[in-house]
Protein backbone atom coordinates (compact mmCIF):
# COMPACT_ATOMS: atom_id res chain seq x y z
CA UNK A 1 189.15 49.41 134.90
CA UNK A 2 191.99 48.76 131.76
CA UNK A 3 192.34 45.16 131.73
CA UNK A 4 188.80 44.68 131.10
CA UNK A 5 188.73 46.90 128.66
CA UNK A 6 191.41 45.26 126.60
CA UNK A 7 189.22 41.50 127.06
CA UNK A 8 186.35 43.58 126.09
CA UNK A 9 187.68 44.73 122.50
CA UNK A 10 189.61 41.27 121.90
CA UNK A 11 186.64 38.88 123.34
CA UNK A 12 183.88 40.73 124.33
CA UNK A 13 181.03 38.33 122.60
CA UNK A 14 182.67 35.98 125.04
CA UNK A 15 182.20 37.85 128.05
CA UNK A 16 178.84 38.87 127.17
CA UNK A 17 177.41 35.01 126.82
CA UNK A 18 179.84 34.48 130.31
CA UNK A 19 178.39 37.35 131.83
CA UNK A 20 174.48 36.84 130.62
CA UNK A 21 175.28 32.63 131.87
CA UNK A 22 176.30 34.23 135.58
CA UNK A 23 173.52 36.72 135.95
CA UNK A 24 170.91 33.77 135.11
CA UNK A 25 172.83 31.12 137.27
CA UNK A 26 172.79 33.32 140.68
CA UNK A 27 169.49 34.96 139.81
CA UNK A 28 167.91 31.88 139.37
CA UNK A 29 166.41 28.84 142.33
CA UNK A 30 167.08 25.81 140.85
CA UNK A 31 168.70 22.48 143.16
CA UNK A 32 171.85 23.74 141.99
CA UNK A 33 171.70 27.59 141.20
CA UNK A 34 172.72 30.76 143.54
CA UNK A 35 169.12 30.69 145.65
CA UNK A 36 168.67 27.39 146.56
CA UNK A 37 172.75 27.33 147.52
CA UNK A 38 171.79 30.55 149.52
CA UNK A 39 170.36 28.04 152.22
CA UNK A 40 172.84 25.32 152.40
CA UNK A 41 175.75 27.56 152.32
CA UNK A 42 175.45 31.42 153.08
CA UNK A 43 178.95 32.28 153.99
CA UNK A 44 179.80 30.43 151.12
CA UNK A 45 177.88 31.84 148.53
CA UNK A 46 178.20 35.23 150.04
CA UNK A 47 182.25 35.23 149.53
CA UNK A 48 181.26 33.90 146.05
CA UNK A 49 179.40 37.45 145.51
CA UNK A 50 181.73 39.89 146.71
CA UNK A 51 184.28 38.43 144.04
CA UNK A 52 181.75 37.77 141.22
CA UNK A 53 179.05 40.72 141.54
CA UNK A 54 182.33 43.66 140.84
CA UNK A 55 183.89 41.70 138.48
CA UNK A 56 180.42 41.52 136.36
CA UNK A 57 180.00 45.08 137.28
CA UNK A 58 182.93 46.10 135.46
CA UNK A 59 182.39 43.74 132.34
CA UNK A 60 178.91 45.52 131.86
CA UNK A 61 180.26 48.66 131.43
CA UNK A 62 183.57 47.46 129.42
CA UNK A 63 181.11 46.46 127.35
CA UNK A 64 179.35 49.56 126.73
CA UNK A 65 182.25 51.46 126.82
CA UNK A 66 182.55 49.44 123.05
CA UNK A 67 179.13 50.42 122.04
CA UNK A 68 179.95 54.56 122.29
CA UNK A 69 181.39 54.18 118.52
CA UNK A 70 179.06 52.83 117.13
CA UNK A 71 175.87 55.43 118.51
CA UNK A 72 178.18 58.42 118.52
CA UNK A 73 178.69 59.14 122.28
CA UNK A 74 182.21 58.90 122.13
CA UNK A 75 182.78 62.11 124.48
CA UNK A 76 180.72 60.18 127.53
CA UNK A 77 183.67 57.18 127.74
CA UNK A 78 184.85 59.31 131.16
CA UNK A 79 181.51 59.71 132.34
CA UNK A 80 180.77 55.51 132.00
CA UNK A 81 183.89 54.83 133.41
CA UNK A 82 183.81 57.02 136.88
CA UNK A 83 179.88 55.85 136.97
CA UNK A 84 181.51 52.48 136.19
CA UNK A 85 183.50 52.49 139.49
CA UNK A 86 181.05 54.28 141.68
CA UNK A 87 179.02 51.63 140.68
CA UNK A 88 181.55 48.82 141.55
CA UNK A 89 182.83 50.42 144.64
CA UNK A 90 179.11 50.34 146.45
CA UNK A 91 178.67 47.60 144.85
CA UNK A 92 181.64 45.64 146.81
CA UNK A 93 180.74 47.85 149.90
CA UNK A 94 177.34 46.18 150.21
CA UNK A 95 178.26 42.81 149.75
CA UNK A 96 181.17 43.00 151.97
CA UNK A 97 178.54 44.18 154.67
CA UNK A 98 176.17 41.32 153.36
CA UNK A 99 179.00 38.84 154.24
CA UNK A 100 179.26 40.14 157.57
CA UNK A 101 175.46 39.79 158.27
CA UNK A 102 175.49 36.39 157.51
CA UNK A 103 177.98 35.80 159.23
CA UNK A 104 176.77 37.30 162.96
CA UNK A 105 173.32 35.92 161.83
CA UNK A 106 174.57 32.42 161.71
CA UNK A 107 175.04 32.76 165.43
CA UNK A 108 171.71 33.34 166.09
CA UNK A 109 169.29 31.42 168.30
CA UNK A 110 166.80 29.42 166.01
CA UNK A 111 164.08 30.14 168.67
CA UNK A 112 164.50 34.29 167.25
CA UNK A 113 166.09 34.78 164.53
CA UNK A 114 166.51 38.86 164.92
CA UNK A 115 168.87 38.28 167.93
CA UNK A 116 171.09 40.89 165.72
CA UNK A 117 169.58 45.12 165.63
CA UNK A 118 168.64 46.11 162.46
CA UNK A 119 170.11 49.33 163.73
CA UNK A 120 173.28 47.38 163.76
CA UNK A 121 173.47 45.67 160.71
CA UNK A 122 172.61 49.76 159.01
CA UNK A 123 175.16 50.48 160.49
CA UNK A 124 177.45 48.18 159.36
CA UNK A 125 176.20 48.72 155.30
CA UNK A 126 176.01 52.70 155.80
CA UNK A 127 179.68 52.70 157.34
CA UNK A 128 180.83 50.32 154.32
CA UNK A 129 179.30 52.02 151.57
CA UNK A 130 180.98 55.15 153.31
CA UNK A 131 184.53 53.99 153.55
CA UNK A 132 184.26 52.52 150.08
CA UNK A 133 182.81 56.10 148.74
CA UNK A 134 185.83 57.30 150.41
CA UNK A 135 188.43 55.12 148.89
CA UNK A 136 187.30 55.63 145.51
CA UNK A 137 187.63 59.45 146.34
CA UNK A 138 190.80 59.42 147.48
CA UNK A 139 191.76 57.24 144.75
CA UNK A 140 190.62 60.23 142.13
CA UNK A 141 192.33 63.04 143.90
CA UNK A 142 188.82 64.89 145.89
CA UNK A 143 190.02 67.01 149.33
CA UNK A 144 187.99 65.92 152.47
CA UNK A 145 188.37 69.28 153.48
CA UNK A 146 186.87 70.67 150.83
CA UNK A 147 183.84 68.15 151.07
CA UNK A 148 183.47 68.57 154.59
CA UNK A 149 183.56 72.73 154.15
CA UNK A 150 181.28 72.87 151.49
CA UNK A 151 178.27 70.52 153.05
CA UNK A 152 179.28 72.11 156.84
CA UNK A 153 176.02 74.27 155.89
CA UNK A 154 173.96 71.93 154.90
CA UNK A 155 174.82 69.43 157.34
CA UNK A 156 173.68 72.25 160.09
CA UNK A 157 170.51 72.95 158.55
CA UNK A 158 169.55 68.92 158.36
CA UNK A 159 170.55 68.84 161.89
CA UNK A 160 168.50 71.17 163.16
CA UNK A 161 165.34 69.88 160.70
CA UNK A 162 166.07 66.34 162.04
CA UNK A 163 167.27 67.00 165.54
CA UNK A 164 164.33 64.43 166.67
CA UNK A 165 165.57 61.87 164.45
CA UNK A 166 168.94 61.77 164.77
CA UNK A 167 168.21 61.89 168.93
CA UNK A 168 166.64 58.66 167.77
CA UNK A 169 169.26 57.65 165.91
CA UNK A 170 172.01 58.28 168.10
CA UNK A 171 170.04 56.89 171.43
CA UNK A 172 169.62 53.33 169.34
CA UNK A 173 173.92 53.05 168.65
CA UNK A 174 173.98 54.16 172.43
CA UNK A 175 171.87 51.36 173.18
CA UNK A 176 173.43 48.98 170.52
CA UNK A 177 176.78 49.61 172.24
CA UNK A 178 175.96 49.71 175.56
CA UNK A 179 173.50 46.35 175.78
CA UNK A 180 170.78 47.18 178.90
CA UNK A 181 169.16 44.84 177.11
CA UNK A 182 169.31 42.03 174.35
CA UNK A 183 166.68 40.40 171.58
CA UNK A 184 164.87 37.93 172.89
CA UNK A 185 164.55 39.47 176.47
CA UNK A 186 161.70 40.30 178.59
CA UNK A 187 161.93 43.96 180.00
CA UNK A 188 159.24 46.34 182.14
CA UNK A 189 159.49 50.23 181.93
CA UNK A 190 157.91 52.70 184.42
CA UNK A 191 154.33 52.74 183.01
CA UNK A 192 154.34 49.47 183.66
CA UNK A 193 154.21 47.80 180.04
CA UNK A 194 155.50 44.80 179.74
CA UNK A 195 157.89 42.89 176.64
CA UNK A 196 159.94 41.19 174.89
CA UNK A 197 162.00 43.14 172.17
CA UNK A 198 162.11 41.70 168.74
CA UNK A 199 163.93 44.87 167.55
CA UNK A 200 166.15 47.86 167.66
CA UNK A 201 166.54 49.91 164.87
CA UNK A 202 167.14 53.32 164.02
CA UNK A 203 163.98 54.71 165.26
CA UNK A 204 162.50 53.05 167.81
CA UNK A 205 162.65 49.66 169.90
CA UNK A 206 159.78 47.28 168.96
CA UNK A 207 158.76 45.61 172.25
CA UNK A 208 156.26 42.22 171.58
CA UNK A 209 153.64 41.88 174.58
CA UNK A 210 151.91 39.01 175.89
CA UNK A 211 148.63 40.01 173.77
CA UNK A 212 151.11 39.31 170.97
CA UNK A 213 150.52 43.48 170.23
CA UNK A 214 153.84 45.18 169.41
CA UNK A 215 154.73 48.49 171.21
CA UNK A 216 157.08 50.72 169.03
CA UNK A 217 159.05 53.04 171.76
CA UNK A 218 161.24 56.01 170.77
CA UNK A 219 164.47 54.63 170.93
CA UNK A 220 165.25 58.38 172.77
CA UNK A 221 162.54 57.13 175.65
CA UNK A 222 164.46 53.85 175.91
CA UNK A 223 167.62 55.14 177.08
CA UNK A 224 166.13 57.61 178.83
CA UNK A 225 163.59 56.11 181.51
CA UNK A 226 164.68 53.05 184.06
CA UNK A 227 163.61 49.90 182.79
CA UNK A 228 163.57 46.29 184.76
CA UNK A 229 165.13 43.55 182.70
CA UNK A 230 163.83 40.29 183.16
CA UNK A 231 165.97 38.29 180.79
CA UNK A 232 165.28 35.67 178.05
CA UNK A 233 164.44 32.42 178.50
CA UNK A 234 167.94 30.97 179.81
CA UNK A 235 167.79 32.93 182.85
CA UNK A 236 166.27 32.01 186.15
CA UNK A 237 163.78 34.45 187.28
CA UNK A 238 163.54 34.47 191.56
CA UNK A 239 160.23 36.28 192.57
CA UNK A 240 158.74 36.90 196.01
CA UNK A 241 155.23 36.52 197.76
CA UNK A 242 153.07 37.95 200.51
CA UNK A 243 150.74 35.70 202.17
CA UNK A 244 148.66 37.05 204.97
CA UNK A 245 147.68 34.42 208.15
CA UNK A 246 146.24 35.36 211.06
CA UNK A 247 147.91 36.55 214.23
CA UNK A 248 147.08 33.53 216.12
CA UNK A 249 148.62 30.97 214.28
CA UNK A 250 152.27 29.52 215.76
CA UNK A 251 154.61 31.23 212.61
CA UNK A 252 156.06 27.93 212.94
CA UNK A 253 153.43 26.22 212.20
CA UNK A 254 152.80 28.45 209.23
CA UNK A 255 155.64 28.70 208.06
CA UNK A 256 155.99 25.24 207.06
CA UNK A 257 152.83 25.05 205.90
CA UNK A 258 153.84 27.77 203.16
CA UNK A 259 157.16 26.02 203.11
CA UNK A 260 155.57 22.29 202.37
CA UNK A 261 152.96 23.98 199.69
CA UNK A 262 156.26 25.19 197.80
CA UNK A 263 157.83 22.32 197.61
CA UNK A 264 155.17 20.26 196.07
CA UNK A 265 154.89 23.06 193.19
CA UNK A 266 155.83 21.54 190.13
CA UNK A 267 157.33 24.91 188.42
CA UNK A 268 159.01 25.93 191.55
CA UNK A 269 162.85 24.94 191.35
CA UNK A 270 164.01 22.70 194.18
CA UNK A 271 167.03 23.76 194.18
CA UNK A 272 167.62 27.23 195.30
CA UNK A 273 165.71 25.88 197.99
CA UNK A 274 162.26 27.90 198.47
CA UNK A 275 162.79 30.45 201.36
CA UNK A 276 159.97 31.39 203.58
CA UNK A 277 160.26 34.23 206.30
CA UNK A 278 157.73 36.14 208.63
CA UNK A 279 158.28 39.43 206.98
CA UNK A 280 156.14 41.53 209.42
CA UNK A 281 154.06 40.76 212.79
CA UNK A 282 153.96 44.71 213.30
CA UNK A 283 150.45 44.41 211.76
CA UNK A 284 147.23 41.84 211.61
CA UNK A 285 147.29 39.87 210.60
CA UNK A 286 151.06 38.70 209.91
CA UNK A 287 152.79 38.75 206.76
CA UNK A 288 154.74 35.88 205.72
CA UNK A 289 157.12 35.78 202.52
CA UNK A 290 157.71 33.19 200.54
CA UNK A 291 160.66 33.64 197.59
CA UNK A 292 160.86 30.89 194.83
CA UNK A 293 162.71 30.23 191.91
CA UNK A 294 161.50 29.46 188.36
CA UNK A 295 163.40 28.71 185.53
CA UNK A 296 162.56 31.61 183.44
CA UNK A 297 160.41 35.10 183.32
CA UNK A 298 157.30 33.50 181.44
CA UNK A 299 156.95 31.02 184.08
CA UNK A 300 155.92 32.72 186.66
CA UNK A 301 152.27 32.74 185.83
CA UNK A 302 152.04 29.46 185.87
CA UNK A 303 154.14 28.96 189.04
CA UNK A 304 152.42 31.90 191.18
CA UNK A 305 149.07 30.21 190.02
CA UNK A 306 150.58 26.47 191.24
CA UNK A 307 152.23 28.43 194.67
CA UNK A 308 149.01 30.27 195.79
CA UNK A 309 146.61 27.38 194.97
CA UNK A 310 149.34 24.57 197.45
CA UNK A 311 148.62 27.29 200.03
CA UNK A 312 145.64 27.70 199.79
CA UNK A 313 144.90 23.61 199.79
CA UNK A 314 147.41 23.14 202.94
CA UNK A 315 145.46 26.10 204.90
CA UNK A 316 141.86 24.60 203.84
CA UNK A 317 143.37 21.49 205.78
CA UNK A 318 144.99 23.19 208.33
CA UNK A 319 141.47 24.82 209.39
CA UNK A 320 143.49 28.20 208.79
CA UNK A 321 141.95 30.93 206.31
CA UNK A 322 144.39 33.27 204.67
CA UNK A 323 142.90 36.89 205.97
CA UNK A 324 143.18 39.29 203.14
CA UNK A 325 144.06 43.09 204.78
CA UNK A 326 140.22 44.32 205.72
CA UNK A 327 139.21 47.25 207.01
CA UNK A 328 135.66 46.72 208.40
CA UNK A 329 133.43 48.28 211.68
CA UNK A 330 132.04 45.56 213.81
CA UNK A 331 129.34 46.22 216.77
CA UNK A 332 129.64 42.83 217.90
CA UNK A 333 132.37 40.66 218.89
CA UNK A 334 134.50 38.91 216.48
CA UNK A 335 135.00 34.90 216.63
CA UNK A 336 138.36 34.40 217.96
CA UNK A 337 140.99 32.47 215.65
CA UNK A 338 142.33 29.38 217.34
CA UNK A 339 144.93 27.12 215.51
CA UNK A 340 147.26 25.51 216.66
CA UNK A 341 149.56 22.45 215.20
CA UNK A 342 148.18 19.42 214.88
CA UNK A 343 148.66 16.50 217.65
CA UNK A 344 151.93 14.45 217.58
CA UNK A 345 149.64 11.74 216.79
CA UNK A 346 148.00 13.49 214.06
CA UNK A 347 151.20 14.27 212.68
CA UNK A 348 152.52 11.05 212.48
CA UNK A 349 149.68 9.75 210.64
CA UNK A 350 150.28 11.95 207.71
CA UNK A 351 153.84 10.33 207.56
CA UNK A 352 155.19 7.77 205.32
CA UNK A 353 156.56 6.34 208.93
CA UNK A 354 152.81 5.57 209.65
CA UNK A 355 152.64 2.91 207.87
CA UNK A 356 154.90 0.97 209.62
CA UNK A 357 152.91 1.22 212.25
CA UNK A 358 149.37 0.10 213.66
CA UNK A 359 147.55 2.67 215.50
CA UNK A 360 148.31 1.00 218.93
CA UNK A 361 151.92 1.24 218.97
CA UNK A 362 151.46 4.86 216.88
CA UNK A 363 149.23 6.03 220.39
CA UNK A 364 152.51 4.40 221.98
CA UNK A 365 155.03 6.90 219.93
CA UNK A 366 153.05 9.62 220.82
CA UNK A 367 153.00 9.41 224.18
CA UNK A 368 156.48 9.03 224.14
CA UNK A 369 157.44 12.08 221.73
CA UNK A 370 157.58 15.98 222.09
CA UNK A 371 157.98 17.97 219.56
CA UNK A 372 160.84 19.91 218.72
CA UNK A 373 162.03 23.31 217.04
CA UNK A 374 165.19 24.05 215.47
CA UNK A 375 165.87 28.16 214.05
CA UNK A 376 167.27 28.30 210.35
CA UNK A 377 171.30 27.49 210.67
CA UNK A 378 170.90 25.17 213.87
CA UNK A 379 173.08 22.32 214.12
CA UNK A 380 171.06 19.37 214.93
CA UNK A 381 173.49 16.61 215.01
CA UNK A 382 177.26 17.40 215.28
CA UNK A 383 179.33 14.97 213.43
CA UNK A 384 181.20 12.12 215.03
CA UNK A 385 178.82 12.71 217.80
CA UNK A 386 176.15 9.77 218.88
CA UNK A 387 172.28 10.17 218.40
CA UNK A 388 170.03 10.57 221.13
CA UNK A 389 166.61 10.23 219.86
CA UNK A 390 164.92 9.52 216.78
CA UNK A 391 163.63 12.44 214.78
CA UNK A 392 160.83 12.41 212.51
CA UNK A 393 160.62 15.79 210.09
CA UNK A 394 157.03 17.37 210.17
CA UNK A 395 157.69 20.93 208.47
CA UNK A 396 161.50 22.33 207.09
CA UNK A 397 164.26 21.29 205.17
CA UNK A 398 167.00 20.21 206.79
CA UNK A 399 170.73 19.04 205.44
CA UNK A 400 172.97 16.38 205.35
CA UNK A 401 176.50 17.43 204.92
CA UNK A 402 180.08 15.86 205.47
CA UNK A 403 183.64 17.35 206.14
CA UNK A 404 186.18 17.16 203.40
CA UNK A 405 190.17 16.24 204.15
CA UNK A 406 190.73 20.53 203.37
CA UNK A 407 187.95 21.22 206.26
CA UNK A 408 185.36 21.97 203.82
CA UNK A 409 181.88 21.22 203.99
CA UNK A 410 180.11 19.59 201.26
CA UNK A 411 176.38 19.13 201.27
CA UNK A 412 175.38 15.58 200.66
CA UNK A 413 171.43 15.28 200.74
CA UNK A 414 168.16 17.86 201.73
CA UNK A 415 166.13 16.24 204.12
CA UNK A 416 161.93 17.24 203.64
CA UNK A 417 158.80 16.41 205.82
CA UNK A 418 159.01 12.77 206.48
CA UNK A 419 162.68 11.83 206.30
CA UNK A 420 163.83 11.10 209.29
CA UNK A 421 167.17 11.04 211.50
CA UNK A 422 169.37 9.81 213.73
CA UNK A 423 168.63 6.35 213.37
CA UNK A 424 171.78 5.15 211.47
CA UNK A 425 173.51 5.68 214.62
CA UNK A 426 171.06 4.61 217.31
CA UNK A 427 170.92 1.09 215.69
CA UNK A 428 174.20 0.64 214.59
CA UNK A 429 176.08 2.26 218.46
CA UNK A 430 178.17 3.90 215.90
CA UNK A 431 178.69 8.22 216.31
CA UNK A 432 177.17 10.01 213.02
CA UNK A 433 178.86 10.05 209.79
CA UNK A 434 176.82 13.30 208.77
CA UNK A 435 175.95 17.35 210.79
CA UNK A 436 172.47 18.05 210.34
CA UNK A 437 171.67 20.89 210.17
CA UNK A 438 168.21 23.35 209.40
CA UNK A 439 167.97 24.84 206.12
CA UNK A 440 165.32 26.47 207.13
CA UNK A 441 162.94 26.93 210.29
CA UNK A 442 162.06 22.98 211.26
CA UNK A 443 159.58 21.29 213.16
CA UNK A 444 160.55 17.56 214.86
CA UNK A 445 159.17 15.15 216.76
CA UNK A 446 161.34 13.82 218.97
CA UNK A 447 160.98 9.85 219.52
CA UNK A 448 162.11 8.29 222.75
CA UNK A 449 165.19 5.17 221.96
CA UNK A 450 163.55 3.20 224.77
CA UNK A 451 160.19 3.67 223.03
CA UNK A 452 161.45 2.59 219.79
CA UNK A 453 163.52 -0.44 220.91
CA UNK A 454 160.79 -1.95 222.75
CA UNK A 455 158.37 -1.96 219.18
CA UNK A 456 162.06 -3.70 217.75
CA UNK A 457 161.66 -5.73 220.14
CA UNK A 458 158.39 -6.71 219.56
CA UNK A 459 158.52 -6.41 215.33
CA UNK A 460 160.87 -8.50 213.94
CA UNK A 461 159.68 -7.34 210.95
CA UNK A 462 160.10 -3.75 211.33
CA UNK A 463 163.77 -4.35 213.05
CA UNK A 464 164.48 -5.85 209.04
CA UNK A 465 162.82 -2.48 207.59
CA UNK A 466 164.92 -0.40 209.05
CA UNK A 467 168.09 -2.59 208.71
CA UNK A 468 167.66 -2.17 205.24
CA UNK A 469 167.50 1.59 205.26
CA UNK A 470 170.17 1.69 207.39
CA UNK A 471 172.29 -0.19 205.20
CA UNK A 472 171.34 2.41 202.59
CA UNK A 473 172.71 5.06 204.70
CA UNK A 474 176.08 3.31 205.69
CA UNK A 475 176.78 2.68 201.66
CA UNK A 476 176.05 6.59 201.14
CA UNK A 477 178.18 7.27 203.77
CA UNK A 478 181.45 4.77 202.07
CA UNK A 479 180.91 6.55 199.00
CA UNK A 480 180.62 10.11 200.13
CA UNK A 481 183.72 9.25 202.34
CA UNK A 482 185.33 7.68 199.67
CA UNK A 483 185.34 10.27 197.40
CA UNK A 484 186.41 12.65 200.10
CA UNK A 485 189.50 10.18 200.57
CA UNK A 486 188.48 9.69 204.24
CA UNK A 487 188.05 5.84 205.57
CA UNK A 488 185.05 5.00 206.80
CA UNK A 489 183.59 1.54 208.74
CA UNK A 490 182.24 -0.68 206.32
CA UNK A 491 178.85 -2.60 207.51
CA UNK A 492 177.01 -5.57 206.02
CA UNK A 493 173.25 -5.80 206.40
CA UNK A 494 174.38 -9.17 208.79
CA UNK A 495 176.78 -7.27 210.73
CA UNK A 496 173.33 -4.41 211.44
CA UNK A 497 170.55 -6.87 211.80
CA UNK A 498 173.03 -8.35 214.81
CA UNK A 499 173.36 -5.17 216.49
CA UNK A 500 169.43 -4.80 216.14
CA UNK A 501 169.31 -8.22 217.42
CA UNK A 502 171.48 -7.35 220.56
CA UNK A 503 169.82 -4.46 221.33
CA UNK A 504 166.37 -6.05 221.26
CA UNK A 505 167.83 -8.75 223.28
CA UNK A 506 169.09 -6.67 226.13
CA UNK A 507 165.82 -4.73 225.66
CA UNK A 508 163.39 -8.09 226.39
CA UNK A 509 165.85 -8.88 229.50
CA UNK A 510 165.10 -5.39 231.05
CA UNK A 511 161.20 -5.59 230.65
CA UNK A 512 161.80 -9.42 232.03
CA UNK A 513 163.15 -8.00 235.77
CA UNK A 514 160.65 -7.84 238.37
């Protein structure tokens, strides 16, 4: 302060002019002025303000001291000095808090700029300005003990009068420290209110609902009742739904239909995979649970609609009506629902493999095939064992995995309805290079090897098509084994074709025997 007073005595016109120019520059909005630069370089400008404005306050106070002799108020110099210092400390504290706020807001999400609660920002400003006044009082020689004693009674009276307000304030501080939710999270309260957190200030928390209305919840209520955090747009949401199906429907068939419907939904993630379970078979109708994963909570509405639409379509196509829980009294005999899985021939027609066979060949394959069911977790084909049949997946998921050198198991592929397995080791006489395990309850069509080999003997183009499929899987096995540093026998397309032709020749000789 003394330095600025001496400068003001010697060069007061210069100081006055510089002060006026700096204020015009900082408050202006031109391309090279403070407001425009503040949008491009907020932290740099905040640091500049922290250095500039306290100095301008001191210069202004020094210039006022030069005017007091002219207006005959020299006895007020001490008050001017004290007032200048108070304003200087308050301005410096406020600008330091502003710098901290700018640094925090720079890390905020662009989609929701108010990621930092206003309560936290307000506490930063209040704390720093209190520290600034405390430093000034300490430098001026004031005793904090006397101040606390003189203000104790007034503080008690104010605390009693503002009990509810102070409760909201400290509840807001507790929420800011504990952080049960953050800005942008969706929360559900006990009374069913659902909204996105858009603000947390000193008195209340503001939620924005789906109808774009704002729910203002006192902080004391938010801190005192249970809530459900549904998280933000970057957090997976995993709801489960229940479907009621008549008890006459085979549970394996119903589970496969629901899982296939869930896999057709675009909004539902394929990994983690949907899970379908028979949840309750003690009441009629049976209740099935389907557990799915969505990319976030806001996607729940579209995903739920799409899921139930696909389930309705699948049930309607299979001739099954979803049975709601209805309590009725009938005076006549109720109709018996008879719903069975489709025949093997009908199931084969609905799969991709049907495009390779004629109607007569499909009937021949169906006559030599049976349904096979495997529970979730069952090993269908052991790694290193030859396949005893050709399987086509009708419902459910099957994991294909390899064993790494450290004996850990790595999933390489997940097969769904329409995929087939067992053909590689069947046509090449090689043991299976994969372990095939049921990811969920699985329904397969087991086709006899002799039946398939007889078809290959009559259909060379079908043998060529299967040879290419085998080649693709052998190449995939080669890549998987190379990644795990395990040797694998390399087979070319020519080797596979020769082995298939040998099988066809043996089959032809067998059929010519009397």
